[in-house]
Amino acid sequence: MCIKMNALLKWLVLPGLLFSPVAVWALYKPVRVLAPQWVPGITCVTKDICLEDVTRYKQAERIYNESLAFVEANVAAVEHPPRVIFCSTENCFQSFGFNKSAAQTVGVYGMVISPRGWSQAYLRHEMIHHIQAEHLGVYKQWRSPEWFSEGMAYALSDDPRPKLAEPFQRYREKFQLWYQATGKDRLWEEAGKL
């Protein structure tokens, strides 16, 4: 009986382990940030910049470099510069599992920029989420209060909009008050307590 059970488990578990990466790839699309070159239509020009339309590489490179320099000068050093996938169509953005926002960050693994997100303001915002994940850890960053996570990204990215849609305006204002009291030197220490 034990031998039959082991054989049965072997034939059930082994295929499950072999096909689980395929299932994850198909069912949880944000994981595609880990290997965007496997997504049809995406070309990785460098280790950090992947595009749907490679003719726009210079534009993407400029946005990336200027955004990274801004964030490092004004927020914190980026330990591992993120991979950014620049989509030129909504279909591309949706192939990573996103549809409503202009850009999305996936932990410390990378970010996907939609066609309407090709700007420094959006990329700086997403790079701040990346820094949050680096400093706090992905789980803690994900569990942080939204006023902190989004408020920090809107406030410190120097978002040019004087008034954001709610609740994001309220989040930005709450973060700004907290940040004034906390200061840049104690930012991550205090953020870890939230």
C-alpha atoms as a PDB file:
ATOM      1  CA  MET A   1       0.000   0.000   0.000  1.00  0.00           C
ATOM      2  CA  CYS A   2       2.806   2.418   0.898  1.00  0.00           C
ATOM      3  CA  ILE A   3       4.599   1.762  -2.422  1.00  0.00           C
ATOM      4  CA  LYS A   4       1.401   2.432  -4.384  1.00  0.00           C
ATOM      5  CA  MET A   5       0.808   5.627  -2.444  1.00  0.00           C
ATOM      6  CA  ASN A   6       4.377   6.849  -3.101  1.00  0.00           C
ATOM      7  CA  ALA A   7       4.012   6.100  -6.821  1.00  0.00           C
ATOM      8  CA  LEU A   8       0.691   7.916  -6.900  1.00  0.00           C
ATOM      9  CA  LEU A   9       2.163  10.942  -5.102  1.00  0.00           C
ATOM     10  CA  LYS A  10       5.122  10.941  -7.485  1.00  0.00           C
ATOM     11  CA  TRP A  11       2.814  11.096 -10.490  1.00  0.00           C
ATOM     12  CA  LEU A  12       0.645  13.794  -8.921  1.00  0.00           C
ATOM     13  CA  VAL A  13       3.277  15.991  -7.296  1.00  0.00           C
ATOM     14  CA  LEU A  14       5.977  15.878  -9.979  1.00  0.00           C
ATOM     15  CA  PRO A  15       3.767  17.224 -12.779  1.00  0.00           C
ATOM     16  CA  GLY A  16       2.385  19.809 -10.357  1.00  0.00           C
ATOM     17  CA  LEU A  17       5.886  21.066  -9.608  1.00  0.00           C
ATOM     18  CA  LEU A  18       6.851  21.073 -13.271  1.00  0.00           C
ATOM     19  CA  PHE A  19       3.762  22.918 -14.418  1.00  0.00           C
ATOM     20  CA  SER A  20       3.369  25.324 -11.487  1.00  0.00           C
ATOM     21  CA  PRO A  21       5.682  27.970 -13.031  1.00  0.00           C
ATOM     22  CA  VAL A  22       3.593  27.812 -16.196  1.00  0.00           C
ATOM     23  CA  ALA A  23       0.419  28.156 -14.141  1.00  0.00           C
ATOM     24  CA  VAL A  24       1.811  31.117 -12.217  1.00  0.00           C
ATOM     25  CA  TRP A  25       2.915  32.752 -15.496  1.00  0.00           C
ATOM     26  CA  ALA A  26      -0.571  32.311 -16.937  1.00  0.00           C
ATOM     27  CA  LEU A  27      -2.649  33.118 -13.864  1.00  0.00           C
ATOM     28  CA  TYR A  28      -0.648  35.834 -12.068  1.00  0.00           C
ATOM     29  CA  LYS A  29       0.439  38.151 -14.854  1.00  0.00           C
ATOM     30  CA  PRO A  30       2.505  40.643 -12.783  1.00  0.00           C
ATOM     31  CA  VAL A  31       5.107  37.851 -12.364  1.00  0.00           C
ATOM     32  CA  ARG A  32       5.966  38.476 -16.023  1.00  0.00           C
ATOM     33  CA  VAL A  33       8.044  41.449 -14.832  1.00  0.00           C
ATOM     34  CA  LEU A  34      10.658  38.847 -13.858  1.00  0.00           C
ATOM     35  CA  ALA A  35      11.180  37.814 -17.487  1.00  0.00           C
ATOM     36  CA  PRO A  36       9.567  40.414 -19.751  1.00  0.00           C
ATOM     37  CA  GLN A  37      11.570  39.247 -22.760  1.00  0.00           C
ATOM     38  CA  TRP A  38       9.284  36.181 -22.788  1.00  0.00           C
ATOM     39  CA  VAL A  39       6.229  38.388 -23.268  1.00  0.00           C
ATOM     40  CA  PRO A  40       5.449  38.619 -27.002  1.00  0.00           C
ATOM     41  CA  GLY A  41       6.354  42.028 -28.390  1.00  0.00           C
ATOM     42  CA  ILE A  42       8.668  43.075 -25.528  1.00  0.00           C
ATOM     43  CA  THR A  43      12.381  43.678 -26.162  1.00  0.00           C
ATOM     44  CA  CYS A  44      14.859  44.298 -23.359  1.00  0.00           C
ATOM     45  CA  VAL A  45      17.382  46.771 -24.744  1.00  0.00           C
ATOM     46  CA  THR A  46      19.333  46.853 -21.459  1.00  0.00           C
ATOM     47  CA  LYS A  47      18.946  44.915 -18.213  1.00  0.00           C
ATOM     48  CA  ASP A  48      16.892  47.822 -16.845  1.00  0.00           C
ATOM     49  CA  ILE A  49      14.886  49.037 -19.853  1.00  0.00           C
ATOM     50  CA  CYS A  50      12.457  46.903 -21.841  1.00  0.00           C
ATOM     51  CA  LEU A  51      10.083  48.264 -24.446  1.00  0.00           C
ATOM     52  CA  GLU A  52       7.251  47.326 -26.674  1.00  0.00           C
ATOM     53  CA  ASP A  53       8.356  49.884 -29.293  1.00  0.00           C
ATOM     54  CA  VAL A  54      12.169  49.885 -29.500  1.00  0.00           C
ATOM     55  CA  THR A  55      12.135  52.987 -31.708  1.00  0.00           C
ATOM     56  CA  ARG A  56      11.257  54.912 -28.521  1.00  0.00           C
ATOM     57  CA  TYR A  57      14.329  53.674 -26.615  1.00  0.00           C
ATOM     58  CA  LYS A  58      16.053  57.080 -26.391  1.00  0.00           C
ATOM     59  CA  GLN A  59      12.898  58.624 -24.914  1.00  0.00           C
ATOM     60  CA  ALA A  60      12.555  55.776 -22.405  1.00  0.00           C
ATOM     61  CA  GLU A  61      16.246  55.989 -21.492  1.00  0.00           C
ATOM     62  CA  ARG A  62      15.973  59.743 -20.847  1.00  0.00           C
ATOM     63  CA  ILE A  63      12.869  59.341 -18.673  1.00  0.00           C
ATOM     64  CA  TYR A  64      14.509  56.465 -16.770  1.00  0.00           C
ATOM     65  CA  ASN A  65      17.853  58.190 -16.149  1.00  0.00           C
ATOM     66  CA  GLU A  66      16.362  61.546 -15.167  1.00  0.00           C
ATOM     67  CA  SER A  67      13.800  59.903 -12.870  1.00  0.00           C
ATOM     68  CA  LEU A  68      16.415  57.722 -11.180  1.00  0.00           C
ATOM     69  CA  ALA A  69      18.730  60.719 -10.647  1.00  0.00           C
ATOM     70  CA  PHE A  70      15.863  62.779  -9.177  1.00  0.00           C
ATOM     71  CA  VAL A  71      14.781  60.051  -6.769  1.00  0.00           C
ATOM     72  CA  GLU A  72      18.319  59.347  -5.587  1.00  0.00           C
ATOM     73  CA  ALA A  73      18.994  63.066  -5.026  1.00  0.00           C
ATOM     74  CA  ASN A  74      15.691  63.832  -3.295  1.00  0.00           C
ATOM     75  CA  VAL A  75      14.481  60.649  -1.602  1.00  0.00           C
ATOM     76  CA  ALA A  76      17.095  57.922  -1.078  1.00  0.00           C
ATOM     77  CA  ALA A  77      19.716  55.889  -2.878  1.00  0.00           C
ATOM     78  CA  VAL A  78      18.351  53.075  -4.996  1.00  0.00           C
ATOM     79  CA  GLU A  79      20.176  49.904  -4.021  1.00  0.00           C
ATOM     80  CA  HIS A  80      19.154  47.938  -7.110  1.00  0.00           C
ATOM     81  CA  PRO A  81      17.921  50.069 -10.022  1.00  0.00           C
ATOM     82  CA  PRO A  82      14.598  48.626 -11.155  1.00  0.00           C
ATOM     83  CA  ARG A  83      13.746  47.085 -14.494  1.00  0.00           C
ATOM     84  CA  VAL A  84      11.148  49.205 -16.262  1.00  0.00           C
ATOM     85  CA  ILE A  85       8.925  47.914 -19.033  1.00  0.00           C
ATOM     86  CA  PHE A  86       7.636  50.747 -21.214  1.00  0.00           C
ATOM     87  CA  CYS A  87       4.402  49.778 -22.972  1.00  0.00           C
ATOM     88  CA  SER A  88       3.222  51.727 -26.008  1.00  0.00           C
ATOM     89  CA  THR A  89      -0.221  50.103 -26.112  1.00  0.00           C
ATOM     90  CA  GLU A  90      -2.854  49.232 -23.542  1.00  0.00           C
ATOM     91  CA  ASN A  91      -2.706  45.595 -24.711  1.00  0.00           C
ATOM     92  CA  CYS A  92       0.932  45.453 -23.621  1.00  0.00           C
ATOM     93  CA  PHE A  93       0.088  46.954 -20.202  1.00  0.00           C
ATOM     94  CA  GLN A  94      -2.790  44.509 -19.787  1.00  0.00           C
ATOM     95  CA  SER A  95      -0.525  41.567 -20.661  1.00  0.00           C
ATOM     96  CA  PHE A  96       1.156  42.209 -17.266  1.00  0.00           C
ATOM     97  CA  GLY A  97      -2.222  42.133 -15.518  1.00  0.00           C
ATOM     98  CA  PHE A  98      -2.814  45.879 -15.217  1.00  0.00           C
ATOM     99  CA  ASN A  99      -5.443  48.105 -16.783  1.00  0.00           C
ATOM    100  CA  LYS A 100      -6.584  51.174 -14.860  1.00  0.00           C
ATOM    101  CA  SER A 101      -3.428  52.944 -13.719  1.00  0.00           C
ATOM    102  CA  ALA A 102      -0.688  54.736 -15.617  1.00  0.00           C
ATOM    103  CA  ALA A 103       2.053  52.603 -14.064  1.00  0.00           C
ATOM    104  CA  GLN A 104       2.540  49.761 -11.588  1.00  0.00           C
ATOM    105  CA  THR A 105       5.450  48.554  -9.451  1.00  0.00           C
ATOM    106  CA  VAL A 106       5.877  44.868  -8.647  1.00  0.00           C
ATOM    107  CA  GLY A 107       7.837  44.724  -5.380  1.00  0.00           C
ATOM    108  CA  VAL A 108      11.562  45.159  -5.985  1.00  0.00           C
ATOM    109  CA  TYR A 109      11.393  43.312  -9.300  1.00  0.00           C
ATOM    110  CA  GLY A 110      10.355  46.056 -11.654  1.00  0.00           C
ATOM    111  CA  MET A 111       7.617  48.243 -12.962  1.00  0.00           C
ATOM    112  CA  VAL A 112       5.378  48.510 -15.985  1.00  0.00           C
ATOM    113  CA  ILE A 113       4.568  51.862 -17.558  1.00  0.00           C
ATOM    114  CA  SER A 114       1.364  52.232 -19.586  1.00  0.00           C
ATOM    115  CA  PRO A 115       1.173  54.358 -22.751  1.00  0.00           C
ATOM    116  CA  ARG A 116      -0.146  57.299 -20.707  1.00  0.00           C
ATOM    117  CA  GLY A 117       2.584  56.926 -18.043  1.00  0.00           C
ATOM    118  CA  TRP A 118       5.630  57.896 -20.124  1.00  0.00           C
ATOM    119  CA  SER A 119       6.693  60.826 -17.940  1.00  0.00           C
ATOM    120  CA  GLN A 120       9.162  61.552 -15.203  1.00  0.00           C
ATOM    121  CA  ALA A 121       6.386  62.241 -12.694  1.00  0.00           C
ATOM    122  CA  TYR A 122       4.934  58.759 -13.102  1.00  0.00           C
ATOM    123  CA  LEU A 123       8.280  56.989 -13.160  1.00  0.00           C
ATOM    124  CA  ARG A 124       9.562  58.913 -10.114  1.00  0.00           C
ATOM    125  CA  HIS A 125       6.345  57.914  -8.309  1.00  0.00           C
ATOM    126  CA  GLU A 126       6.908  54.236  -9.125  1.00  0.00           C
ATOM    127  CA  MET A 127      10.613  54.421  -8.227  1.00  0.00           C
ATOM    128  CA  ILE A 128       9.599  55.682  -4.799  1.00  0.00           C
ATOM    129  CA  HIS A 129       7.431  52.579  -4.385  1.00  0.00           C
ATOM    130  CA  HIS A 130      10.500  50.558  -5.395  1.00  0.00           C
ATOM    131  CA  ILE A 131      12.592  52.311  -2.715  1.00  0.00           C
ATOM    132  CA  GLN A 132       9.859  51.651  -0.147  1.00  0.00           C
ATOM    133  CA  ALA A 133      10.057  47.941  -0.950  1.00  0.00           C
ATOM    134  CA  GLU A 134      13.867  48.012  -0.736  1.00  0.00           C
ATOM    135  CA  HIS A 135      13.910  49.776   2.640  1.00  0.00           C
ATOM    136  CA  LEU A 136      10.880  48.213   4.291  1.00  0.00           C
ATOM    137  CA  GLY A 137      10.705  44.867   2.539  1.00  0.00           C
ATOM    138  CA  VAL A 138       8.021  43.942   0.037  1.00  0.00           C
ATOM    139  CA  TYR A 139       5.569  42.629   2.628  1.00  0.00           C
ATOM    140  CA  LYS A 140       5.901  45.606   4.990  1.00  0.00           C
ATOM    141  CA  GLN A 141       5.645  48.045   2.095  1.00  0.00           C
ATOM    142  CA  TRP A 142       2.520  46.273   0.877  1.00  0.00           C
ATOM    143  CA  ARG A 143       1.044  46.395   4.403  1.00  0.00           C
ATOM    144  CA  SER A 144       1.967  50.058   5.027  1.00  0.00           C
ATOM    145  CA  PRO A 145      -0.912  52.486   5.461  1.00  0.00           C
ATOM    146  CA  GLU A 146      -2.015  53.766   2.088  1.00  0.00           C
ATOM    147  CA  TRP A 147      -1.605  57.371   3.201  1.00  0.00           C
ATOM    148  CA  PHE A 148       2.095  56.607   3.730  1.00  0.00           C
ATOM    149  CA  SER A 149       2.726  54.510   0.636  1.00  0.00           C
ATOM    150  CA  GLU A 150       0.820  56.640  -1.860  1.00  0.00           C
ATOM    151  CA  GLY A 151       1.235  59.920  -0.004  1.00  0.00           C
ATOM    152  CA  MET A 152       5.015  59.564  -0.044  1.00  0.00           C
ATOM    153  CA  ALA A 153       5.050  58.669  -3.732  1.00  0.00           C
ATOM    154  CA  TYR A 154       2.910  61.685  -4.658  1.00  0.00           C
ATOM    155  CA  ALA A 155       4.669  64.126  -2.324  1.00  0.00           C
ATOM    156  CA  LEU A 156       8.311  63.207  -2.897  1.00  0.00           C
ATOM    157  CA  SER A 157       8.006  62.591  -6.652  1.00  0.00           C
ATOM    158  CA  ASP A 158       7.224  66.279  -7.051  1.00  0.00           C
ATOM    159  CA  ASP A 159       3.979  65.423  -8.822  1.00  0.00           C
ATOM    160  CA  PRO A 160       3.079  68.560 -10.796  1.00  0.00           C
ATOM    161  CA  ARG A 161      -0.678  68.389 -10.158  1.00  0.00           C
ATOM    162  CA  PRO A 162      -1.675  70.966  -7.545  1.00  0.00           C
ATOM    163  CA  LYS A 163      -4.789  68.963  -6.644  1.00  0.00           C
ATOM    164  CA  LEU A 164      -5.071  65.184  -6.876  1.00  0.00           C
ATOM    165  CA  ALA A 165      -8.244  63.143  -6.996  1.00  0.00           C
ATOM    166  CA  GLU A 166      -9.378  61.899  -3.608  1.00  0.00           C
ATOM    167  CA  PRO A 167      -8.256  60.074  -1.577  1.00  0.00           C
ATOM    168  CA  PHE A 168      -4.789  60.769  -3.010  1.00  0.00           C
ATOM    169  CA  GLN A 169      -4.823  64.502  -2.205  1.00  0.00           C
ATOM    170  CA  ARG A 170      -5.617  63.673   1.419  1.00  0.00           C
ATOM    171  CA  TYR A 171      -2.859  61.003   1.459  1.00  0.00           C
ATOM    172  CA  ARG A 172      -0.292  63.459   0.100  1.00  0.00           C
ATOM    173  CA  GLU A 173      -1.242  66.095   2.685  1.00  0.00           C
ATOM    174  CA  LYS A 174      -1.130  63.582   5.560  1.00  0.00           C
ATOM    175  CA  PHE A 175       2.270  62.306   4.446  1.00  0.00           C
ATOM    176  CA  GLN A 176       3.633  65.858   4.138  1.00  0.00           C
ATOM    177  CA  LEU A 177       2.617  66.636   7.727  1.00  0.00           C
ATOM    178  CA  TRP A 178       4.115  63.352   8.957  1.00  0.00           C
ATOM    179  CA  TYR A 179       7.311  63.947   6.966  1.00  0.00           C
ATOM    180  CA  GLN A 180       7.735  67.473   8.345  1.00  0.00           C
ATOM    181  CA  ALA A 181       7.569  66.056  11.870  1.00  0.00           C
ATOM    182  CA  THR A 182       9.747  63.029  11.077  1.00  0.00           C
ATOM    183  CA  GLY A 183      12.410  64.484   8.811  1.00  0.00           C
ATOM    184  CA  LYS A 184      14.439  62.836   6.073  1.00  0.00           C
ATOM    185  CA  ASP A 185      17.040  61.415   8.473  1.00  0.00           C
ATOM    186  CA  ARG A 186      14.473  59.384  10.436  1.00  0.00           C
ATOM    187  CA  LEU A 187      12.196  58.549   7.504  1.00  0.00           C
ATOM    188  CA  TRP A 188      12.833  54.802   7.269  1.00  0.00           C
ATOM    189  CA  GLU A 189      13.138  54.259  11.023  1.00  0.00           C
ATOM    190  CA  GLU A 190       9.740  55.849  11.605  1.00  0.00           C
ATOM    191  CA  ALA A 191       8.211  54.262   8.524  1.00  0.00           C
ATOM    192  CA  GLY A 192       9.115  50.851   9.914  1.00  0.00           C
ATOM    193  CA  LYS A 193       6.933  51.612  12.955  1.00  0.00           C
ATOM    194  CA  LEU A 194       3.781  52.328  10.959  1.00  0.00           C
END
